[in-house]
Protein backbone atom coordinates (compact mmCIF):
# COMPACT_ATOMS: atom_id res chain seq x y z
CA MET A 1 28.25 136.69 84.90
CA ASN A 2 25.20 135.44 83.19
CA ALA A 3 24.76 135.27 79.43
CA ASN A 4 22.31 138.18 79.34
CA ARG A 5 24.87 140.61 80.80
CA ILE A 6 27.57 139.42 78.39
CA ILE A 7 25.29 139.87 75.39
CA ASP A 8 24.23 143.33 76.60
CA MET A 9 27.88 144.34 77.04
CA ILE A 10 28.79 143.20 73.51
CA VAL A 11 25.76 144.90 71.97
CA ARG A 12 26.59 148.13 73.82
CA GLN A 13 30.18 148.12 72.55
CA VAL A 14 29.11 147.41 68.95
CA MET A 15 26.46 150.14 69.05
CA ARG A 16 28.93 152.65 70.50
CA ARG A 17 31.40 151.94 67.69
CA LEU A 18 28.70 152.18 65.01
CA VAL A 19 27.37 155.47 66.36
CA THR A 20 30.87 156.93 66.62
CA LYS A 21 31.65 155.95 63.02
CA GLY A 22 28.34 157.41 61.88
CA VAL A 23 28.98 160.70 63.65
CA ASP A 24 32.49 160.90 62.20
CA LYS A 25 31.15 160.21 58.71
CA GLY A 26 28.48 162.87 59.20
CA PHE A 27 31.07 165.46 60.24
CA ASP A 28 33.20 164.60 57.21
CA MET A 29 30.25 164.92 54.85
CA ALA A 30 29.15 168.20 56.46
CA SER A 31 32.63 169.65 56.09
CA ARG A 32 32.55 168.90 52.35
CA VAL A 33 29.15 170.53 51.72
CA GLY A 34 30.60 173.86 50.54
CA GLN A 35 33.23 172.31 48.30
CA LYS A 36 32.52 171.46 44.69
CA SER A 37 35.00 169.27 42.85
CA GLY A 38 36.06 170.31 39.38
CA GLN A 39 34.71 173.83 39.68
CA GLU A 40 36.75 176.38 37.77
CA GLN A 41 37.69 179.70 39.31
CA PRO A 42 36.36 182.82 37.56
CA PRO A 43 38.94 184.97 35.72
CA HIS A 44 40.23 188.03 37.57
CA GLU A 45 40.11 191.59 36.18
CA SER A 46 43.63 192.82 36.94
CA SER A 47 46.86 191.33 38.22
CA GLY A 48 46.90 193.50 41.37
CA ALA A 49 43.40 192.44 42.28
CA SER A 50 44.20 188.80 41.57
CA ASP A 51 47.22 188.92 43.88
CA GLN A 52 45.05 190.34 46.66
CA LEU A 53 42.32 187.74 46.06
CA GLN A 54 44.88 184.95 46.05
CA ALA A 55 46.38 186.16 49.36
CA ASP A 56 42.89 186.36 50.88
CA GLY A 57 42.13 182.85 49.64
CA ASN A 58 45.35 181.49 51.11
CA ARG A 59 44.55 183.08 54.47
CA GLN A 60 41.03 181.69 54.36
CA ARG A 61 42.29 178.18 53.54
CA GLN A 62 44.81 178.37 56.37
CA ASN A 63 42.10 179.44 58.84
CA MET A 64 39.82 176.64 57.61
CA ARG A 65 42.57 174.03 58.05
CA GLN A 66 43.20 175.27 61.58
CA ALA A 67 39.49 175.12 62.42
CA GLN A 68 39.25 171.57 61.03
CA ARG A 69 42.27 170.53 63.09
CA VAL A 70 40.69 171.91 66.26
CA ALA A 71 37.37 170.22 65.43
CA ASN A 72 39.12 166.88 64.90
CA GLN A 73 40.92 167.22 68.23
CA MET A 74 37.68 168.05 70.01
CA ARG A 75 35.89 165.13 68.35
CA ARG A 76 38.67 162.78 69.37
CA PHE A 77 38.30 163.61 73.07
CA ILE A 78 34.52 163.74 73.26
CA ARG A 79 33.07 160.31 74.01
CA PHE A 80 29.38 159.54 73.96
């Protein structure tokens, strides 16, 4: 093997790792776009309505966690 091929191989591996880390970071940042830290929830009108809203929120969070898990699994197996 000549030196040019060795250098090309090393550069290719480094670039692949950098691109993969960049894509992962981009996915993480994109998943946090809708979330705002420290935001207070608005008060609810009645206790029955608040129970229903809380149950809907729990279901929505559970669905979001499942979707993130699937996305992480897909990202893990897709190689560029």
